Amino acid sequence: MDLQEVWASPEWREQVQQWITQVLDSCELSQTGPLEPARIRFWSTQLTVPTNHGRLWFKANNPGQFAEAALVACMSELVPDHVVTPLAIEPTKGWLLTPDHGKTLDSLKSTDYQLWVRVVRDFADLQKQLAPHGAPLAAAGLVSMDPAIAGNFASNQLLLHTGLPPEHPLHLSPQAADGVYLSIPALEEAAAAVLASGVPLSLEHNDLHSGNAFIPGTTTAPLRFFDFGDSYWAHPFSSLYVPLTVMQEQWDTTVDDARIRRVVTAYLECWTDYASLAELRLAVEPALKLARLHRYGSWLRLLIHADDSAMITYGPRALKYLRTLTDPVLQ
């Protein structure tokens, strides 16, 4: 199915408009103009909704990420200061309607590493608050990527990829599959290391960056995060993978950059009630290796519902994460 074609159709837009109208009527709000498309990709699409009480945002997800709607609604009860509370959700369709919280942090175009310190510290606070709430998050649809299952998960995926036709974008040759298989013991060692850290599992954003956090209304207000479609229940330190990648790209630098090291340290300092800073550092590299498995997994659950064009474009990205599972990240 070509989701982008569906989402661009007048028929689908009319269904969305009917649902939004019902929501606005129940909230005693009035729409003051037509729906406006903001973005359309094969993983999601957004529309803006002008109302007499400001702009709202509508989001529809790829079926592989339908759970985001119920997950965000659940998180808005558990950590209301750290996420955007939806006005309404349609969980069976993966639809969200949320208020507009203004511009995101990336709109500041800041190169100050302290901005990243703020992102990771505030997100660590969200993770620590959610750590005791695995059951309601699972009930909302958050998928578990417990490190204890990492090796089995990776091994089982090889059967999928080697069984596909050679011309398929997700096909792995026997030689390539052997390479991944040989890395699984190192992946299991990484899993054992993070489990030994004493830090509990929590929500792993899996796409944490400044474009997914709003500029707070006051200097003391916590950041509000969004875009949780890629998330897993996993080791929290894996959430550093995307920030490390983006910082290197933004600053045209390497992981040895002192600014990046300071950001990592700032994040770890939030967890020192579980272990010493030195002990926590030992879990970072293993958690970053596991993060590649999370990135692979989130791409795969989207690609199950991809059209041919999206599969050709993004299939190789998923396989790249699988092929590089145990390549060094910080070391």
Protein backbone atom coordinates (compact mmCIF):
# COMPACT_ATOMS: atom_id res chain seq x y z
CA MET A 1 0.00 0.00 0.00
CA ASP A 2 1.23 3.48 -0.87
CA LEU A 3 0.41 5.28 2.37
CA GLN A 4 1.46 8.65 1.01
CA GLU A 5 -1.04 8.26 -1.81
CA VAL A 6 -3.79 7.31 0.66
CA TRP A 7 -2.99 10.24 2.94
CA ALA A 8 -3.04 12.67 0.00
CA SER A 9 -6.46 11.50 -1.20
CA PRO A 10 -9.61 13.64 -0.77
CA GLU A 11 -11.47 10.63 0.62
CA TRP A 12 -9.01 10.11 3.46
CA ARG A 13 -8.87 13.84 4.17
CA GLU A 14 -12.64 13.91 4.49
CA GLN A 15 -12.54 11.06 7.05
CA VAL A 16 -9.98 13.00 9.07
CA GLN A 17 -12.04 16.18 8.85
CA GLN A 18 -15.12 14.40 10.16
CA TRP A 19 -13.20 13.03 13.14
CA ILE A 20 -11.59 16.39 13.91
CA THR A 21 -14.98 18.11 13.73
CA GLN A 22 -16.39 15.66 16.28
CA VAL A 23 -13.44 16.27 18.59
CA LEU A 24 -13.69 20.04 18.31
CA ASP A 25 -17.44 19.99 18.93
CA SER A 26 -16.94 17.91 22.08
CA CYS A 27 -14.34 20.43 23.28
CA GLU A 28 -16.46 23.44 22.31
CA LEU A 29 -13.84 24.62 19.81
CA SER A 30 -14.40 26.01 16.33
CA GLN A 31 -12.31 25.37 13.25
CA THR A 32 -11.53 28.66 11.52
CA GLY A 33 -10.00 27.45 8.28
CA PRO A 34 -9.20 24.40 6.16
CA LEU A 35 -6.81 21.64 7.16
CA GLU A 36 -3.33 22.35 5.88
CA PRO A 37 -0.78 19.63 5.08
CA ALA A 38 2.48 20.06 7.01
CA ARG A 39 4.44 16.95 6.04
CA ILE A 40 3.87 13.59 4.42
CA ARG A 41 6.28 10.65 4.60
CA PHE A 42 5.65 6.94 4.40
CA TRP A 43 5.99 6.69 8.22
CA SER A 44 3.56 9.51 9.11
CA THR A 45 1.76 12.61 7.97
CA GLN A 46 0.79 15.81 9.77
CA LEU A 47 -1.93 18.39 9.19
CA THR A 48 -2.47 21.70 10.94
CA VAL A 49 -5.91 22.67 12.20
CA PRO A 50 -6.68 26.40 12.75
CA THR A 51 -9.15 27.00 15.58
CA ASN A 52 -10.53 29.87 17.61
CA HIS A 53 -8.14 28.83 20.39
CA GLY A 54 -5.00 28.48 18.31
CA ARG A 55 -3.50 25.95 15.95
CA LEU A 56 -3.74 22.20 16.55
CA TRP A 57 -1.68 19.41 15.03
CA PHE A 58 -3.10 16.22 13.60
CA LYS A 59 -0.83 13.22 13.05
CA ALA A 60 -1.49 9.89 11.34
CA ASN A 61 1.00 7.05 11.67
CA ASN A 62 2.16 4.15 9.54
CA PRO A 63 0.42 1.01 10.94
CA GLY A 64 3.78 -0.10 12.33
CA GLN A 65 3.60 2.87 14.71
CA PHE A 66 -0.12 3.02 15.49
CA ALA A 67 0.74 2.49 19.16
CA GLU A 68 2.17 6.00 19.46
CA ALA A 69 -1.30 7.46 19.94
CA ALA A 70 -2.16 5.33 22.98
CA LEU A 71 1.41 5.57 24.27
CA VAL A 72 1.40 9.38 24.28
CA ALA A 73 -2.00 9.40 25.98
CA CYS A 74 -0.63 7.08 28.68
CA MET A 75 2.53 9.16 29.13
CA SER A 76 0.48 12.34 29.43
CA GLU A 77 -0.94 10.86 32.64
CA LEU A 78 2.35 9.49 33.97
CA VAL A 79 4.71 12.38 33.05
CA PRO A 80 2.38 15.25 32.10
CA ASP A 81 5.07 17.94 32.34
CA HIS A 82 7.39 16.15 29.90
CA VAL A 83 5.10 15.33 26.95
CA VAL A 84 2.42 16.93 24.85
CA THR A 85 -1.02 15.96 26.14
CA PRO A 86 -3.24 14.98 23.20
CA LEU A 87 -6.62 16.60 22.83
CA ALA A 88 -7.88 13.30 21.40
CA ILE A 89 -6.58 10.04 19.95
CA GLU A 90 -7.98 7.37 17.65
CA PRO A 91 -5.78 4.40 18.63
CA THR A 92 -7.17 1.96 16.06
CA LYS A 93 -6.02 4.31 13.30
CA GLY A 94 -2.93 5.76 14.95
CA TRP A 95 -4.36 9.28 14.95
CA LEU A 96 -3.37 12.07 17.33
CA LEU A 97 -4.72 15.60 17.76
CA THR A 98 -2.52 17.81 19.95
CA PRO A 99 -2.11 21.47 20.87
CA ASP A 100 0.62 23.56 19.29
CA HIS A 101 3.44 24.18 21.75
CA GLY A 102 5.36 26.55 19.50
CA LYS A 103 8.80 26.10 18.02
CA THR A 104 11.18 23.24 18.65
CA LEU A 105 14.68 23.57 20.07
CA ASP A 106 16.33 22.99 16.72
CA SER A 107 14.75 26.23 15.45
CA LEU A 108 17.20 28.07 17.70
CA LYS A 109 20.07 26.93 15.43
CA SER A 110 22.27 26.85 18.50
CA THR A 111 25.71 25.27 18.45
CA ASP A 112 26.06 25.53 22.23
CA TYR A 113 26.52 22.06 23.70
CA GLN A 114 24.50 23.19 26.72
CA LEU A 115 21.35 22.88 24.63
CA TRP A 116 22.10 19.17 24.26
CA VAL A 117 22.82 18.95 27.97
CA ARG A 118 19.32 20.30 28.60
CA VAL A 119 17.80 17.76 26.18
CA VAL A 120 19.47 14.70 27.70
CA ARG A 121 19.00 15.77 31.31
CA ASP A 122 15.31 16.49 30.90
CA PHE A 123 14.84 13.26 29.01
CA ALA A 124 16.64 11.35 31.75
CA ASP A 125 14.13 12.80 34.21
CA LEU A 126 11.28 11.50 32.02
CA GLN A 127 12.93 8.07 31.86
CA LYS A 128 13.45 7.86 35.62
CA GLN A 129 9.83 8.77 36.26
CA LEU A 130 8.61 6.14 33.77
CA ALA A 131 10.88 3.31 34.98
CA PRO A 132 8.33 1.97 37.52
CA HIS A 133 5.50 2.04 34.95
CA GLY A 134 6.39 -0.68 32.46
CA ALA A 135 3.01 -2.40 32.77
CA PRO A 136 0.76 0.52 31.70
CA LEU A 137 3.20 1.48 28.94
CA ALA A 138 3.16 -2.10 27.63
CA ALA A 139 -0.64 -2.08 27.78
CA ALA A 140 -0.57 1.09 25.69
CA GLY A 141 1.50 -0.73 23.06
CA LEU A 142 5.12 0.10 23.89
CA VAL A 143 7.17 -2.78 22.49
CA SER A 144 9.81 -4.36 24.71
CA MET A 145 13.41 -4.65 23.56
CA ASP A 146 14.71 -6.08 26.81
CA PRO A 147 18.49 -6.51 26.47
CA ALA A 148 18.04 -10.10 27.65
CA ILE A 149 16.35 -10.96 24.32
CA ALA A 150 18.71 -8.99 22.05
CA GLY A 151 20.72 -11.97 20.85
CA ASN A 152 17.68 -14.11 20.10
CA PHE A 153 15.94 -11.24 18.35
CA ALA A 154 18.90 -10.61 16.06
CA SER A 155 19.33 -14.33 15.31
CA ASN A 156 15.67 -14.75 14.42
CA GLN A 157 15.78 -11.79 12.04
CA LEU A 158 18.42 -13.51 9.92
CA LEU A 159 15.85 -16.15 8.94
CA LEU A 160 13.63 -13.39 7.59
CA HIS A 161 16.30 -11.67 5.55
CA THR A 162 17.98 -14.73 4.06
CA GLY A 163 14.56 -16.11 3.08
CA LEU A 164 13.70 -13.12 0.90
CA PRO A 165 14.37 -13.14 -2.87
CA PRO A 166 17.86 -11.83 -3.80
CA GLU A 167 16.36 -8.80 -5.52
CA HIS A 168 14.46 -7.72 -2.40
CA PRO A 169 15.92 -4.61 -0.67
CA LEU A 170 15.88 -6.46 2.67
CA HIS A 171 17.61 -9.59 1.38
CA LEU A 172 20.77 -10.74 3.12
CA SER A 173 23.16 -13.10 1.40
CA PRO A 174 24.31 -16.15 3.38
CA GLN A 175 27.74 -14.51 3.71
CA ALA A 176 26.27 -11.27 5.06
CA ALA A 177 24.03 -13.20 7.44
CA ASP A 178 27.05 -15.13 8.70
CA GLY A 179 28.75 -11.83 9.48
CA VAL A 180 25.78 -10.70 11.56
CA TYR A 181 25.57 -14.09 13.26
CA LEU A 182 29.22 -13.91 14.28
CA SER A 183 28.54 -10.56 16.00
CA ILE A 184 25.76 -11.94 18.21
CA PRO A 185 28.03 -13.12 21.07
CA ALA A 186 29.40 -9.56 21.32
CA LEU A 187 25.82 -8.25 21.27
CA GLU A 188 24.94 -10.59 24.13
CA GLU A 189 27.99 -9.37 26.05
CA ALA A 190 26.75 -5.81 25.58
CA ALA A 191 23.32 -6.84 26.86
CA ALA A 192 24.85 -8.46 29.94
CA ALA A 193 26.88 -5.30 30.63
CA VAL A 194 23.88 -2.98 30.60
CA LEU A 195 21.81 -5.35 32.72
CA ALA A 196 24.65 -5.43 35.26
CA SER A 197 24.65 -1.62 35.51
CA GLY A 198 21.79 -1.58 38.01
CA VAL A 199 19.91 1.01 35.95
CA PRO A 200 16.29 -0.07 35.36
CA LEU A 201 14.73 -0.39 31.95
CA SER A 202 12.54 2.48 30.82
CA LEU A 203 11.32 4.22 27.69
CA GLU A 204 14.02 4.52 25.04
CA HIS A 205 13.01 7.28 22.62
CA ASN A 206 15.07 5.88 19.73
CA ASP A 207 14.97 9.23 17.90
CA LEU A 208 15.90 11.79 20.54
CA HIS A 209 17.00 15.12 19.10
CA SER A 210 16.29 18.83 19.48
CA GLY A 211 13.66 18.72 16.74
CA ASN A 212 11.55 16.48 18.99
CA ALA A 213 11.48 18.85 21.98
CA PHE A 214 9.65 22.15 22.29
CA ILE A 215 11.19 25.38 23.53
CA PRO A 216 9.84 25.69 27.11
CA GLY A 217 7.60 28.56 28.07
CA THR A 218 9.88 29.54 30.95
CA THR A 219 13.53 28.91 31.76
CA THR A 220 12.58 26.58 34.61
CA ALA A 221 9.87 24.59 32.81
CA PRO A 222 10.84 21.06 31.73
CA LEU A 223 11.13 20.26 28.05
CA ARG A 224 8.14 18.64 26.40
CA PHE A 225 9.09 15.78 24.10
CA PHE A 226 7.14 14.23 21.25
CA ASP A 227 7.42 11.82 18.31
CA PHE A 228 7.51 8.53 20.22
CA GLY A 229 6.69 6.22 17.31
CA ASP A 230 10.17 4.64 17.28
CA SER A 231 10.29 4.08 21.04
CA TYR A 232 10.96 0.85 22.91
CA TRP A 233 10.95 -0.37 26.49
CA ALA A 234 14.69 -0.92 26.79
CA HIS A 235 17.83 0.23 28.55
CA PRO A 236 17.53 4.02 28.86
CA PHE A 237 21.17 4.74 27.92
CA SER A 238 20.47 3.59 24.36
CA SER A 239 18.66 6.91 23.89
CA LEU A 240 22.09 8.57 23.60
CA TYR A 241 22.73 6.98 20.19
CA VAL A 242 20.81 9.50 18.09
CA PRO A 243 22.07 12.57 20.02
CA LEU A 244 25.65 11.38 19.51
CA THR A 245 25.04 10.91 15.80
CA VAL A 246 23.35 14.30 15.36
CA MET A 247 25.96 16.20 17.37
CA GLN A 248 28.74 14.78 15.22
CA GLU A 249 26.88 15.81 12.07
CA GLN A 250 25.97 19.28 13.34
CA TRP A 251 29.46 20.11 14.55
CA ASP A 252 31.36 18.17 11.89
CA THR A 253 33.33 16.44 14.60
CA THR A 254 33.98 13.05 16.19
CA VAL A 255 32.90 11.37 19.40
CA ASP A 256 36.19 12.47 20.98
CA ASP A 257 34.98 16.08 20.96
CA ALA A 258 35.01 17.43 24.53
CA ARG A 259 31.53 18.91 24.06
CA ILE A 260 30.07 15.50 23.25
CA ARG A 261 31.82 13.96 26.24
CA ARG A 262 30.31 16.66 28.46
CA VAL A 263 26.82 15.90 27.17
CA VAL A 264 27.26 12.19 27.91
CA THR A 265 28.56 12.99 31.40
CA ALA A 266 25.62 15.33 32.07
CA TYR A 267 23.22 12.53 31.17
CA LEU A 268 24.99 9.96 33.33
CA GLU A 269 25.03 12.32 36.31
CA CYS A 270 21.25 12.01 36.37
CA TRP A 271 21.60 8.29 37.14
CA THR A 272 24.18 8.32 39.93
CA ASP A 273 21.58 7.23 42.48
CA TYR A 274 21.92 3.77 40.85
CA ALA A 275 25.71 3.53 40.54
CA SER A 276 28.84 5.65 40.54
CA LEU A 277 29.66 7.74 37.50
CA ALA A 278 32.60 5.45 36.70
CA GLU A 279 30.36 2.38 36.84
CA LEU A 280 27.69 4.03 34.70
CA ARG A 281 30.25 4.88 32.02
CA LEU A 282 30.91 1.17 31.56
CA ALA A 283 27.32 0.71 30.39
CA VAL A 284 27.32 3.47 27.76
CA GLU A 285 29.15 1.75 24.91
CA PRO A 286 27.18 -1.51 25.33
CA ALA A 287 23.91 0.47 25.38
CA LEU A 288 24.89 2.28 22.18
CA LYS A 289 25.47 -1.05 20.45
CA LEU A 290 22.02 -2.21 21.51
CA ALA A 291 20.63 1.05 20.15
CA ARG A 292 21.52 -0.07 16.64
CA LEU A 293 19.21 -3.03 17.14
CA HIS A 294 16.47 -0.62 18.20
CA ARG A 295 17.01 1.53 15.12
CA TYR A 296 16.85 -1.56 12.95
CA GLY A 297 13.68 -2.75 14.69
CA SER A 298 11.84 0.54 14.29
CA TRP A 299 12.66 0.70 10.58
CA LEU A 300 11.51 -2.88 10.11
CA ARG A 301 8.11 -2.38 11.70
CA LEU A 302 7.57 0.56 9.32
CA LEU A 303 8.85 -1.25 6.24
CA ILE A 304 6.36 -4.07 6.72
CA HIS A 305 3.79 -1.54 5.47
CA ALA A 306 5.98 0.20 2.87
CA ASP A 307 5.29 0.58 -0.84
CA ASP A 308 7.97 -0.44 -3.32
CA SER A 309 9.52 3.01 -3.51
CA ALA A 310 9.86 3.39 0.26
CA MET A 311 11.18 -0.16 0.56
CA ILE A 312 13.90 0.51 -2.02
CA THR A 313 14.85 3.79 -0.33
CA TYR A 314 14.80 2.78 3.31
CA GLY A 315 15.32 -0.99 3.32
CA PRO A 316 19.12 -0.61 3.09
CA ARG A 317 19.08 1.70 6.14
CA ALA A 318 17.52 -1.04 8.25
CA LEU A 319 20.06 -3.58 7.05
CA LYS A 320 22.96 -1.22 7.74
CA TYR A 321 22.05 -1.12 11.43
CA LEU A 322 21.87 -4.92 11.50
CA ARG A 323 25.24 -5.32 9.77
CA THR A 324 26.99 -2.90 12.12
CA LEU A 325 25.47 -4.08 15.42
CA THR A 326 28.73 -4.35 17.31
CA ASP A 327 30.87 -1.75 15.58
CA PRO A 328 32.39 0.70 18.09
CA VAL A 329 30.45 3.89 18.79
CA LEU A 330 32.38 5.80 21.45
CA GLN A 331 35.46 3.64 21.75
